[in-house]
C-alpha atoms as a PDB file:
ATOM      1  CA  MET A   1      96.825 121.442 112.745  1.00  0.00           C
ATOM      2  CA  ASN A   2      94.858 118.772 110.927  1.00  0.00           C
ATOM      3  CA  ALA A   3      94.250 115.652 112.659  1.00  0.00           C
ATOM      4  CA  VAL A   4      91.419 112.819 112.922  1.00  0.00           C
ATOM      5  CA  SER A   5      89.596 112.773 116.444  1.00  0.00           C
ATOM      6  CA  LEU A   6      87.065 110.837 118.387  1.00  0.00           C
ATOM      7  CA  GLY A   7      84.331 112.857 119.748  1.00  0.00           C
ATOM      8  CA  ALA A   8      82.149 109.894 120.674  1.00  0.00           C
ATOM      9  CA  PHE A   9      82.846 106.284 121.014  1.00  0.00           C
ATOM     10  CA  GLY A  10      81.482 103.977 118.286  1.00  0.00           C
ATOM     11  CA  GLY A  11      82.452 102.343 114.679  1.00  0.00           C
ATOM     12  CA  PRO A  12      84.926 103.628 111.971  1.00  0.00           C
ATOM     13  CA  ASP A  13      82.332 106.810 110.877  1.00  0.00           C
ATOM     14  CA  ALA A  14      83.267 108.073 114.865  1.00  0.00           C
ATOM     15  CA  LEU A  15      86.608 109.187 113.471  1.00  0.00           C
ATOM     16  CA  VAL A  16      86.441 112.707 112.058  1.00  0.00           C
ATOM     17  CA  PHE A  17      89.023 114.437 110.018  1.00  0.00           C
ATOM     18  CA  GLY A  18      89.483 118.387 110.718  1.00  0.00           C
ATOM     19  CA  GLU A  19      91.266 120.818 112.351  1.00  0.00           C
ATOM     20  CA  ARG A  20      92.637 120.688 116.228  1.00  0.00           C
ATOM     21  CA  PRO A  21      94.636 122.756 118.283  1.00  0.00           C
ATOM     22  CA  ASP A  22      98.181 122.498 117.695  1.00  0.00           C
ATOM     23  CA  PRO A  23      99.955 120.457 120.787  1.00  0.00           C
ATOM     24  CA  ALA A  24     101.968 122.369 123.483  1.00  0.00           C
ATOM     25  CA  ALA A  25     104.919 120.284 125.008  1.00  0.00           C
ATOM     26  CA  PRO A  26     105.806 120.885 128.384  1.00  0.00           C
ATOM     27  CA  PRO A  27     109.264 120.789 130.156  1.00  0.00           C
ATOM     28  CA  GLY A  28     110.960 117.662 129.035  1.00  0.00           C
ATOM     29  CA  TRP A  29     108.786 117.028 125.938  1.00  0.00           C
ATOM     30  CA  VAL A  30     108.950 117.742 122.405  1.00  0.00           C
ATOM     31  CA  VAL A  31     106.721 117.915 119.881  1.00  0.00           C
ATOM     32  CA  VAL A  32     107.006 116.151 116.329  1.00  0.00           C
ATOM     33  CA  GLU A  33     105.895 116.729 112.566  1.00  0.00           C
ATOM     34  CA  LEU A  34     104.439 113.427 111.764  1.00  0.00           C
ATOM     35  CA  ARG A  35     105.139 112.114 108.289  1.00  0.00           C
ATOM     36  CA  ALA A  36     103.467 108.820 109.148  1.00  0.00           C
ATOM     37  CA  ALA A  37     101.196 107.347 111.709  1.00  0.00           C
ATOM     38  CA  ALA A  38     100.233 102.887 111.744  1.00  0.00           C
ATOM     39  CA  LEU A  39      97.132 101.525 113.063  1.00  0.00           C
ATOM     40  CA  ASN A  40      96.877  99.040 115.760  1.00  0.00           C
ATOM     41  CA  TRP A  41      94.023  96.855 117.295  1.00  0.00           C
ATOM     42  CA  HIS A  42      94.654  99.038 120.042  1.00  0.00           C
ATOM     43  CA  ASP A  43      93.144 101.828 118.328  1.00  0.00           C
ATOM     44  CA  VAL A  44      90.087 100.029 117.701  1.00  0.00           C
ATOM     45  CA  LEU A  45      89.549  99.328 121.287  1.00  0.00           C
ATOM     46  CA  VAL A  46      90.162 102.797 122.226  1.00  0.00           C
ATOM     47  CA  ARG A  47      87.573 103.664 119.682  1.00  0.00           C
ATOM     48  CA  ASN A  48      85.161 101.346 120.758  1.00  0.00           C
ATOM     49  CA  GLY A  49      85.015 102.908 124.215  1.00  0.00           C
ATOM     50  CA  GLN A  50      86.625  99.763 126.019  1.00  0.00           C
ATOM     51  CA  TYR A  51      89.017 102.116 127.893  1.00  0.00           C
ATOM     52  CA  ASP A  52      88.687 105.153 130.215  1.00  0.00           C
ATOM     53  CA  VAL A  53      89.324 107.580 127.735  1.00  0.00           C
ATOM     54  CA  ALA A  54      88.312 111.425 127.900  1.00  0.00           C
ATOM     55  CA  LEU A  55      86.952 112.683 124.774  1.00  0.00           C
ATOM     56  CA  PRO A  56      87.599 114.414 122.439  1.00  0.00           C
ATOM     57  CA  ARG A  57      90.913 112.235 121.666  1.00  0.00           C
ATOM     58  CA  ILE A  58      93.198 111.907 118.874  1.00  0.00           C
ATOM     59  CA  PRO A  59      94.008 108.077 118.612  1.00  0.00           C
ATOM     60  CA  GLY A  60      96.989 106.647 117.402  1.00  0.00           C
ATOM     61  CA  ALA A  61     100.347 105.255 119.240  1.00  0.00           C
ATOM     62  CA  ASP A  62     102.607 104.645 116.442  1.00  0.00           C
ATOM     63  CA  GLY A  63     104.542 107.686 114.478  1.00  0.00           C
ATOM     64  CA  ALA A  64     107.245 108.868 112.485  1.00  0.00           C
ATOM     65  CA  GLY A  65     108.337 112.113 111.436  1.00  0.00           C
ATOM     66  CA  VAL A  66     110.629 115.157 112.523  1.00  0.00           C
ATOM     67  CA  ARG A  67     111.845 116.514 115.729  1.00  0.00           C
ATOM     68  CA  GLY A  68     110.263 120.074 115.795  1.00  0.00           C
ATOM     69  CA  ASP A  69     113.678 121.296 117.799  1.00  0.00           C
ATOM     70  CA  THR A  70     116.183 119.547 116.153  1.00  0.00           C
ATOM     71  CA  GLY A  71     114.840 118.368 112.673  1.00  0.00           C
ATOM     72  CA  GLU A  72     116.099 115.100 113.387  1.00  0.00           C
ATOM     73  CA  ALA A  73     114.052 111.908 111.462  1.00  0.00           C
ATOM     74  CA  VAL A  74     112.766 109.921 114.634  1.00  0.00           C
ATOM     75  CA  VAL A  75     110.475 107.221 115.427  1.00  0.00           C
ATOM     76  CA  ILE A  76     108.108 107.354 118.392  1.00  0.00           C
ATOM     77  CA  ALA A  77     108.173 104.908 121.326  1.00  0.00           C
ATOM     78  CA  PRO A  78     104.348 104.326 121.903  1.00  0.00           C
ATOM     79  CA  SER A  79     104.823 103.322 125.705  1.00  0.00           C
ATOM     80  CA  LEU A  80     104.371 106.720 128.018  1.00  0.00           C
ATOM     81  CA  HIS A  81     105.428 106.812 131.942  1.00  0.00           C
ATOM     82  CA  TRP A  82     106.591 103.014 132.109  1.00  0.00           C
ATOM     83  CA  GLY A  83     109.074 103.478 134.795  1.00  0.00           C
ATOM     84  CA  ALA A  84     112.246 102.528 136.005  1.00  0.00           C
ATOM     85  CA  ASP A  85     111.334  98.760 136.810  1.00  0.00           C
ATOM     86  CA  ASP A  86     111.662  96.528 133.531  1.00  0.00           C
ATOM     87  CA  ARG A  87     109.272  93.927 134.974  1.00  0.00           C
ATOM     88  CA  PHE A  88     106.087  95.701 134.681  1.00  0.00           C
ATOM     89  CA  PRO A  89     105.234  99.411 133.946  1.00  0.00           C
ATOM     90  CA  ALA A  90     104.528 101.951 136.595  1.00  0.00           C
ATOM     91  CA  PRO A  91     100.778 102.697 137.904  1.00  0.00           C
ATOM     92  CA  ASP A  92     100.402 105.622 135.765  1.00  0.00           C
ATOM     93  CA  PHE A  93     101.708 103.628 132.309  1.00  0.00           C
ATOM     94  CA  GLU A  94      99.860 104.841 128.749  1.00  0.00           C
ATOM     95  CA  ILE A  95      99.887 104.156 125.500  1.00  0.00           C
ATOM     96  CA  LEU A  96     100.278 107.305 123.582  1.00  0.00           C
ATOM     97  CA  GLY A  97      96.627 108.076 122.333  1.00  0.00           C
ATOM     98  CA  ASP A  98      94.946 106.872 125.308  1.00  0.00           C
ATOM     99  CA  HIS A  99      94.944 109.980 127.985  1.00  0.00           C
ATOM    100  CA  THR A 100      97.418 111.788 125.894  1.00  0.00           C
ATOM    101  CA  ASP A 101      96.632 112.667 122.116  1.00  0.00           C
ATOM    102  CA  GLY A 102      98.340 110.477 119.588  1.00  0.00           C
ATOM    103  CA  THR A 103      99.581 110.284 116.225  1.00  0.00           C
ATOM    104  CA  TYR A 104      96.652 110.383 114.034  1.00  0.00           C
ATOM    105  CA  ALA A 105      97.793 114.420 113.519  1.00  0.00           C
ATOM    106  CA  GLU A 106     100.063 116.545 111.881  1.00  0.00           C
ATOM    107  CA  LEU A 107     101.844 116.972 114.896  1.00  0.00           C
ATOM    108  CA  VAL A 108     102.130 115.228 118.427  1.00  0.00           C
ATOM    109  CA  ALA A 109     103.730 115.943 121.484  1.00  0.00           C
ATOM    110  CA  VAL A 110     105.837 113.163 123.802  1.00  0.00           C
ATOM    111  CA  PRO A 111     108.587 112.962 126.378  1.00  0.00           C
ATOM    112  CA  GLU A 112     112.019 113.504 124.814  1.00  0.00           C
ATOM    113  CA  GLY A 113     112.879 110.071 125.963  1.00  0.00           C
ATOM    114  CA  ASN A 114     110.198 108.627 123.774  1.00  0.00           C
ATOM    115  CA  VAL A 115     111.593 109.698 120.405  1.00  0.00           C
ATOM    116  CA  LEU A 116     114.489 107.972 119.256  1.00  0.00           C
ATOM    117  CA  ALA A 117     116.394 108.076 115.907  1.00  0.00           C
ATOM    118  CA  MET A 118     114.866 106.450 112.838  1.00  0.00           C
ATOM    119  CA  PRO A 119     116.479 103.337 111.405  1.00  0.00           C
ATOM    120  CA  ALA A 120     118.880 104.888 108.560  1.00  0.00           C
ATOM    121  CA  GLY A 121     117.320 104.456 104.713  1.00  0.00           C
ATOM    122  CA  TRP A 122     113.709 103.439 106.075  1.00  0.00           C
ATOM    123  CA  SER A 123     110.703 104.788 104.535  1.00  0.00           C
ATOM    124  CA  TRP A 124     108.305 106.953 106.880  1.00  0.00           C
ATOM    125  CA  ALA A 125     105.598 104.293 106.440  1.00  0.00           C
ATOM    126  CA  GLU A 126     108.393 101.924 107.323  1.00  0.00           C
ATOM    127  CA  ALA A 127     109.425 103.563 110.525  1.00  0.00           C
ATOM    128  CA  ALA A 128     105.878 104.212 111.679  1.00  0.00           C
ATOM    129  CA  ALA A 129     104.966 100.647 111.287  1.00  0.00           C
ATOM    130  CA  LEU A 130     107.603  99.118 113.811  1.00  0.00           C
ATOM    131  CA  PRO A 131     107.055 100.628 117.384  1.00  0.00           C
ATOM    132  CA  LEU A 132     103.710  99.404 119.106  1.00  0.00           C
ATOM    133  CA  ALA A 133     103.800  95.821 117.349  1.00  0.00           C
ATOM    134  CA  GLY A 134     107.743  95.760 117.435  1.00  0.00           C
ATOM    135  CA  VAL A 135     108.238  96.493 120.837  1.00  0.00           C
ATOM    136  CA  THR A 136     105.407  94.172 121.912  1.00  0.00           C
ATOM    137  CA  ALA A 137     106.712  91.230 119.653  1.00  0.00           C
ATOM    138  CA  TYR A 138     110.337  91.845 121.280  1.00  0.00           C
ATOM    139  CA  ARG A 139     109.554  92.051 124.763  1.00  0.00           C
ATOM    140  CA  ALA A 140     106.952  88.970 124.414  1.00  0.00           C
ATOM    141  CA  LEU A 141     109.855  87.006 122.472  1.00  0.00           C
ATOM    142  CA  PHE A 142     113.108  88.104 124.332  1.00  0.00           C
ATOM    143  CA  THR A 143     112.325  89.978 127.632  1.00  0.00           C
ATOM    144  CA  ARG A 144     109.801  88.001 128.393  1.00  0.00           C
ATOM    145  CA  GLY A 145     110.143  84.520 126.711  1.00  0.00           C
ATOM    146  CA  SER A 146     113.855  84.432 126.670  1.00  0.00           C
ATOM    147  CA  LEU A 147     113.896  82.978 123.169  1.00  0.00           C
ATOM    148  CA  GLN A 148     117.410  81.999 121.927  1.00  0.00           C
ATOM    149  CA  ALA A 149     118.855  81.016 118.790  1.00  0.00           C
ATOM    150  CA  GLY A 150     118.065  77.617 117.597  1.00  0.00           C
ATOM    151  CA  GLU A 151     115.165  77.160 119.732  1.00  0.00           C
ATOM    152  CA  THR A 152     111.760  76.798 118.114  1.00  0.00           C
ATOM    153  CA  VAL A 153     108.942  79.403 118.547  1.00  0.00           C
ATOM    154  CA  LEU A 154     105.319  78.633 117.597  1.00  0.00           C
ATOM    155  CA  VAL A 155     103.464  82.232 116.880  1.00  0.00           C
ATOM    156  CA  LEU A 156     100.186  81.848 116.983  1.00  0.00           C
ATOM    157  CA  GLY A 157      97.845  83.617 114.576  1.00  0.00           C
ATOM    158  CA  ALA A 158      99.765  84.625 111.564  1.00  0.00           C
ATOM    159  CA  GLY A 159      98.771  87.840 109.842  1.00  0.00           C
ATOM    160  CA  SER A 160      98.334  90.210 112.577  1.00  0.00           C
ATOM    161  CA  GLY A 161     100.641  93.352 113.196  1.00  0.00           C
ATOM    162  CA  VAL A 162     102.241  91.979 116.322  1.00  0.00           C
ATOM    163  CA  SER A 163     102.437  88.224 115.493  1.00  0.00           C
ATOM    164  CA  THR A 164     103.627  89.498 111.934  1.00  0.00           C
ATOM    165  CA  MET A 165     106.586  91.214 113.855  1.00  0.00           C
ATOM    166  CA  ALA A 166     106.961  88.527 115.850  1.00  0.00           C
ATOM    167  CA  VAL A 167     107.926  86.148 113.213  1.00  0.00           C
ATOM    168  CA  ALA A 168     110.396  88.261 111.511  1.00  0.00           C
ATOM    169  CA  LEU A 169     112.237  89.180 114.939  1.00  0.00           C
ATOM    170  CA  ALA A 170     112.390  85.382 116.137  1.00  0.00           C
ATOM    171  CA  ALA A 171     113.902  84.538 112.591  1.00  0.00           C
ATOM    172  CA  LEU A 172     116.443  87.623 112.540  1.00  0.00           C
ATOM    173  CA  ALA A 173     117.598  86.276 116.054  1.00  0.00           C
ATOM    174  CA  GLY A 174     118.575  82.716 114.660  1.00  0.00           C
ATOM    175  CA  ALA A 175     115.417  80.744 115.837  1.00  0.00           C
ATOM    176  CA  ARG A 176     113.112  78.453 114.168  1.00  0.00           C
ATOM    177  CA  VAL A 177     109.633  80.131 113.558  1.00  0.00           C
ATOM    178  CA  LEU A 178     106.361  77.906 113.165  1.00  0.00           C
ATOM    179  CA  VAL A 179     102.920  79.601 112.601  1.00  0.00           C
ATOM    180  CA  THR A 180      99.149  79.099 112.605  1.00  0.00           C
ATOM    181  CA  SER A 181      96.947  81.001 110.675  1.00  0.00           C
ATOM    182  CA  SER A 182      93.198  81.149 109.286  1.00  0.00           C
ATOM    183  CA  SER A 183      94.854  80.703 105.751  1.00  0.00           C
ATOM    184  CA  ALA A 184      97.385  78.719 103.531  1.00  0.00           C
ATOM    185  CA  GLY A 185      98.143  82.469 101.850  1.00  0.00           C
ATOM    186  CA  LYS A 186      99.145  84.071 105.277  1.00  0.00           C
ATOM    187  CA  ILE A 187     101.374  81.026 106.004  1.00  0.00           C
ATOM    188  CA  ASP A 188     102.943  81.584 102.557  1.00  0.00           C
ATOM    189  CA  ARG A 189     103.116  84.881 103.774  1.00  0.00           C
ATOM    190  CA  ALA A 190     104.999  84.054 106.948  1.00  0.00           C
ATOM    191  CA  ARG A 191     107.366  81.787 105.388  1.00  0.00           C
ATOM    192  CA  GLU A 192     108.622  85.276 103.270  1.00  0.00           C
ATOM    193  CA  LEU A 193     109.249  86.768 106.679  1.00  0.00           C
ATOM    194  CA  GLY A 194     111.447  83.609 107.918  1.00  0.00           C
ATOM    195  CA  ALA A 195     109.226  81.012 109.213  1.00  0.00           C
ATOM    196  CA  ASP A 196     109.597  77.283 108.365  1.00  0.00           C
ATOM    197  CA  GLY A 197     106.154  76.289 108.132  1.00  0.00           C
ATOM    198  CA  GLY A 198     102.835  76.425 109.684  1.00  0.00           C
ATOM    199  CA  VAL A 199      99.369  74.668 110.129  1.00  0.00           C
ATOM    200  CA  LEU A 200      95.806  75.852 109.746  1.00  0.00           C
ATOM    201  CA  TYR A 201      94.284  76.749 113.357  1.00  0.00           C
ATOM    202  CA  SER A 202      90.943  75.894 111.383  1.00  0.00           C
ATOM    203  CA  ASP A 203      92.060  71.805 111.307  1.00  0.00           C
ATOM    204  CA  ALA A 204      90.905  69.885 114.349  1.00  0.00           C
ATOM    205  CA  ASP A 205      94.261  68.517 114.643  1.00  0.00           C
ATOM    206  CA  TRP A 206      96.351  71.335 114.276  1.00  0.00           C
ATOM    207  CA  VAL A 207      98.420  70.838 117.486  1.00  0.00           C
ATOM    208  CA  ALA A 208      99.529  67.199 116.288  1.00  0.00           C
ATOM    209  CA  GLN A 209     100.167  68.834 112.977  1.00  0.00           C
ATOM    210  CA  ALA A 210     102.228  71.768 114.869  1.00  0.00           C
ATOM    211  CA  ARG A 211     104.130  68.902 116.990  1.00  0.00           C
ATOM    212  CA  GLU A 212     104.911  66.823 113.637  1.00  0.00           C
ATOM    213  CA  LEU A 213     106.474  70.256 112.263  1.00  0.00           C
ATOM    214  CA  ALA A 214     108.508  70.900 115.407  1.00  0.00           C
ATOM    215  CA  GLY A 215     109.968  67.603 115.527  1.00  0.00           C
ATOM    216  CA  GLU A 216     111.097  65.300 118.033  1.00  0.00           C
ATOM    217  CA  ARG A 217     111.888  68.122 120.757  1.00  0.00           C
ATOM    218  CA  GLY A 218     108.850  70.093 120.095  1.00  0.00           C
ATOM    219  CA  VAL A 219     108.085  73.789 120.574  1.00  0.00           C
ATOM    220  CA  ASP A 220     110.272  75.734 123.229  1.00  0.00           C
ATOM    221  CA  LEU A 221     108.246  78.776 123.160  1.00  0.00           C
ATOM    222  CA  VAL A 222     104.412  79.527 122.048  1.00  0.00           C
ATOM    223  CA  ILE A 223     103.590  83.420 121.615  1.00  0.00           C
ATOM    224  CA  ASP A 224      99.713  83.819 122.157  1.00  0.00           C
ATOM    225  CA  SER A 225      97.580  87.017 121.320  1.00  0.00           C
ATOM    226  CA  VAL A 226      94.663  84.682 121.056  1.00  0.00           C
ATOM    227  CA  GLY A 227      93.901  83.781 124.821  1.00  0.00           C
ATOM    228  CA  ALA A 228      91.088  81.009 124.556  1.00  0.00           C
ATOM    229  CA  THR A 229      94.233  78.849 123.088  1.00  0.00           C
ATOM    230  CA  TRP A 230      96.186  78.703 126.107  1.00  0.00           C
ATOM    231  CA  PRO A 231      95.469  74.671 126.375  1.00  0.00           C
ATOM    232  CA  ASP A 232      96.248  74.038 122.593  1.00  0.00           C
ATOM    233  CA  GLY A 233      99.393  76.366 122.928  1.00  0.00           C
ATOM    234  CA  LEU A 234     100.751  74.442 126.289  1.00  0.00           C
ATOM    235  CA  ALA A 235      99.709  70.958 124.069  1.00  0.00           C
ATOM    236  CA  THR A 236     102.573  71.930 121.692  1.00  0.00           C
ATOM    237  CA  LEU A 237     105.354  72.747 124.327  1.00  0.00           C
ATOM    238  CA  ASN A 238     108.296  70.446 124.782  1.00  0.00           C
ATOM    239  CA  PRO A 239     109.042  69.888 128.718  1.00  0.00           C
ATOM    240  CA  GLY A 240     110.086  73.039 130.209  1.00  0.00           C
ATOM    241  CA  GLY A 241     108.456  75.261 127.395  1.00  0.00           C
ATOM    242  CA  ARG A 242     107.217  78.546 127.898  1.00  0.00           C
ATOM    243  CA  LEU A 243     104.034  80.440 126.777  1.00  0.00           C
ATOM    244  CA  VAL A 244     103.565  84.284 126.226  1.00  0.00           C
ATOM    245  CA  ALA A 245     100.452  85.585 126.471  1.00  0.00           C
ATOM    246  CA  PHE A 246      99.482  89.401 125.441  1.00  0.00           C
ATOM    247  CA  GLY A 247      96.034  89.127 124.055  1.00  0.00           C
ATOM    248  CA  ALA A 248      92.638  87.806 123.615  1.00  0.00           C
ATOM    249  CA  THR A 249      91.184  88.032 120.754  1.00  0.00           C
ATOM    250  CA  ALA A 250      89.055  85.296 121.050  1.00  0.00           C
ATOM    251  CA  GLY A 251      88.232  85.470 124.636  1.00  0.00           C
ATOM    252  CA  ASP A 252      89.901  85.908 127.912  1.00  0.00           C
ATOM    253  CA  VAL A 253      88.781  82.804 130.015  1.00  0.00           C
ATOM    254  CA  ALA A 254      90.903  79.524 129.209  1.00  0.00           C
ATOM    255  CA  ALA A 255      90.694  76.256 131.125  1.00  0.00           C
ATOM    256  CA  VAL A 256      94.523  74.708 131.333  1.00  0.00           C
ATOM    257  CA  PRO A 257      94.945  71.127 132.430  1.00  0.00           C
ATOM    258  CA  VAL A 258      96.700  71.402 135.764  1.00  0.00           C
ATOM    259  CA  ARG A 259      98.925  67.855 135.530  1.00  0.00           C
ATOM    260  CA  PRO A 260      99.929  68.045 132.213  1.00  0.00           C
ATOM    261  CA  PHE A 261     101.372  71.800 132.925  1.00  0.00           C
ATOM    262  CA  TYR A 262     103.018  70.970 136.012  1.00  0.00           C
ATOM    263  CA  PHE A 263     104.397  67.775 134.768  1.00  0.00           C
ATOM    264  CA  GLY A 264     105.609  69.409 131.778  1.00  0.00           C
ATOM    265  CA  GLN A 265     107.530  72.053 134.020  1.00  0.00           C
ATOM    266  CA  HIS A 266     105.514  74.892 131.605  1.00  0.00           C
ATOM    267  CA  THR A 267     105.565  78.527 132.270  1.00  0.00           C
ATOM    268  CA  ILE A 268     102.929  80.818 131.179  1.00  0.00           C
ATOM    269  CA  LEU A 269     104.099  84.655 131.081  1.00  0.00           C
ATOM    270  CA  GLY A 270     101.840  87.525 130.808  1.00  0.00           C
ATOM    271  CA  THR A 271     103.269  90.468 129.125  1.00  0.00           C
ATOM    272  CA  THR A 272     102.242  93.985 127.430  1.00  0.00           C
ATOM    273  CA  MET A 273     103.728  96.225 125.406  1.00  0.00           C
ATOM    274  CA  GLY A 274     107.136  97.380 126.048  1.00  0.00           C
ATOM    275  CA  SER A 275     109.726  99.545 128.192  1.00  0.00           C
ATOM    276  CA  PRO A 276     112.103 102.318 126.549  1.00  0.00           C
ATOM    277  CA  ARG A 277     115.147  99.896 127.561  1.00  0.00           C
ATOM    278  CA  ASP A 278     112.802  97.162 125.260  1.00  0.00           C
ATOM    279  CA  PHE A 279     112.426  99.552 122.550  1.00  0.00           C
ATOM    280  CA  ALA A 280     116.164 100.732 122.605  1.00  0.00           C
ATOM    281  CA  ALA A 281     116.827  96.806 122.378  1.00  0.00           C
ATOM    282  CA  LEU A 282     114.421  96.441 119.427  1.00  0.00           C
ATOM    283  CA  LEU A 283     115.993  99.263 117.346  1.00  0.00           C
ATOM    284  CA  ASP A 284     119.629  97.630 117.960  1.00  0.00           C
ATOM    285  CA  LEU A 285     118.357  93.940 116.499  1.00  0.00           C
ATOM    286  CA  VAL A 286     116.961  95.840 113.458  1.00  0.00           C
ATOM    287  CA  GLY A 287     120.023  98.146 113.194  1.00  0.00           C
ATOM    288  CA  ARG A 288     122.082  94.926 112.904  1.00  0.00           C
ATOM    289  CA  HIS A 289     119.894  93.647 110.215  1.00  0.00           C
ATOM    290  CA  PRO A 290     120.060  96.787 107.739  1.00  0.00           C
ATOM    291  CA  SER A 291     118.128  94.920 104.890  1.00  0.00           C
ATOM    292  CA  TRP A 292     115.154  94.055 106.932  1.00  0.00           C
ATOM    293  CA  ARG A 293     111.663  96.210 106.898  1.00  0.00           C
ATOM    294  CA  PRO A 294     108.617  95.904 108.808  1.00  0.00           C
ATOM    295  CA  VAL A 295     105.827  94.428 106.576  1.00  0.00           C
ATOM    296  CA  VAL A 296     103.502  97.619 105.429  1.00  0.00           C
ATOM    297  CA  HIS A 297     100.098  96.209 103.573  1.00  0.00           C
ATOM    298  CA  ASP A 298      98.507  99.790 102.997  1.00  0.00           C
ATOM    299  CA  VAL A 299      99.709 103.160 102.892  1.00  0.00           C
ATOM    300  CA  ARG A 300      96.215 105.839 102.759  1.00  0.00           C
ATOM    301  CA  PRO A 301      96.218 109.649 103.761  1.00  0.00           C
ATOM    302  CA  LEU A 302      95.488 110.502 107.047  1.00  0.00           C
ATOM    303  CA  ALA A 303      91.746 111.885 106.097  1.00  0.00           C
ATOM    304  CA  ARG A 304      90.809 108.054 105.149  1.00  0.00           C
ATOM    305  CA  ALA A 305      91.461 106.743 108.505  1.00  0.00           C
ATOM    306  CA  ALA A 306      87.963 105.457 108.899  1.00  0.00           C
ATOM    307  CA  GLU A 307      88.282 103.720 105.994  1.00  0.00           C
ATOM    308  CA  ALA A 308      91.248 102.101 106.996  1.00  0.00           C
ATOM    309  CA  HIS A 309      90.066 101.072 110.694  1.00  0.00           C
ATOM    310  CA  ALA A 310      87.170  99.328 108.661  1.00  0.00           C
ATOM    311  CA  GLU A 311      89.761  97.228 106.628  1.00  0.00           C
ATOM    312  CA  LEU A 312      91.581  96.538 110.207  1.00  0.00           C
ATOM    313  CA  GLU A 313      88.629  95.225 111.330  1.00  0.00           C
ATOM    314  CA  ARG A 314      87.909  92.996 108.635  1.00  0.00           C
ATOM    315  CA  ARG A 315      91.223  91.086 109.569  1.00  0.00           C
ATOM    316  CA  GLU A 316      91.897  90.508 105.798  1.00  0.00           C
ATOM    317  CA  HIS A 317      95.157  92.132 106.022  1.00  0.00           C
ATOM    318  CA  PHE A 318      99.154  90.952 106.425  1.00  0.00           C
ATOM    319  CA  GLY A 319     101.110  93.552 108.147  1.00  0.00           C
ATOM    320  CA  LYS A 320     100.641  97.033 109.059  1.00  0.00           C
ATOM    321  CA  LEU A 321      98.058  99.754 107.816  1.00  0.00           C
ATOM    322  CA  VAL A 322      99.672 103.188 107.667  1.00  0.00           C
ATOM    323  CA  LEU A 323      98.581 106.360 107.279  1.00  0.00           C
ATOM    324  CA  SER A 324     100.577 109.287 105.403  1.00  0.00           C
ATOM    325  CA  ILE A 325     100.229 112.400 106.860  1.00  0.00           C
END
């Protein structure tokens, strides 16, 4: 088969297109003939060597294609070996493309429980764009964040795959959505997805601006992938509000004032990816809204994966970058 593989850690040019052995499916696994694969920031971290990954490795967590044994159009749930406890993953949990070859290929082998029917009417690129960002956003919003219809959620850093997905899913569920972003253009795009409005996080008073947008009650839930913004995110919350964190793109250290935290009765929750049950619930949510689709920024051939990685690192995109196979 043709695939994009990583033989050494490094920049985008470390990704090499060429022939690789076809995968074998052990008992309980199936082979999927991929039609599209989507990029995630996690793939960049794997490529840079920030995870203990044996090389060579085919990266890629997201994919959609045809199940080899049944011919069914399927989408792949990228969390492997989560386990039976939905509170947290089992010790051998991994993301597809880490220790198991991933979706930057014509074929991929995955556990049978990780393939689910593709949403009706979706393109291959749209289906591939959903899994990792979708299940991460779903778990952050609902499984961990307990978001309810009518509540206000503030999504920090609109434009990334997960935050874009969080805006859309929260709006589908009947929540009021606000965002922060680096540009007015991205805020406008977020409005198109269902956000009520947003503020520029480059403004020194963005917290006050966000609270003003939220109104007297304030923000019920903050979705934070930035990490260093915990103090500001908490400052936007109403009494009893929650902050759900799933990343640290701007640093993994945050100094939180303790007294406002406990007087505000606030909660900080950690999350990552999602269980197969989270993924099934995500598919159920989008299935109730048949006109909705994930935002796909661009689609390139598999052989141009290195070029797509370079664009991903520039952080100029809005929505998902997808590889056609």
